[in-house]
Amino acid sequence: MLAVLSLVCSVLWLFGVGSLLGIVFGVIARKQIKHTHQPGSDMALAGIVAGAIALFFTVLIGGLSYLANHTG
């Protein structure tokens, strides 16, 4: 369940908040899956990776827009 939530939050983006939640839920899901040996580890990993990429682009775009507005 948390693996699906991780992937959905990462894809929704929500201005970085969804990405961060996707990473957190993905890490929690992978820990739970490791102990219970249930399927879904790959989906949780996909949520972590998608969340990290989306968070990177959020920070990049935010930084670039900040620089564009505060230079020159």
Foldseek 3Di string as FASTA:
>chain_A
DLLVQLQVLLVVLPLLPSLVSSLVSLVVVCVVCVVVVDDRNVSSVNSNVSSVVSNVVSVVVVVVVVCVVPDD
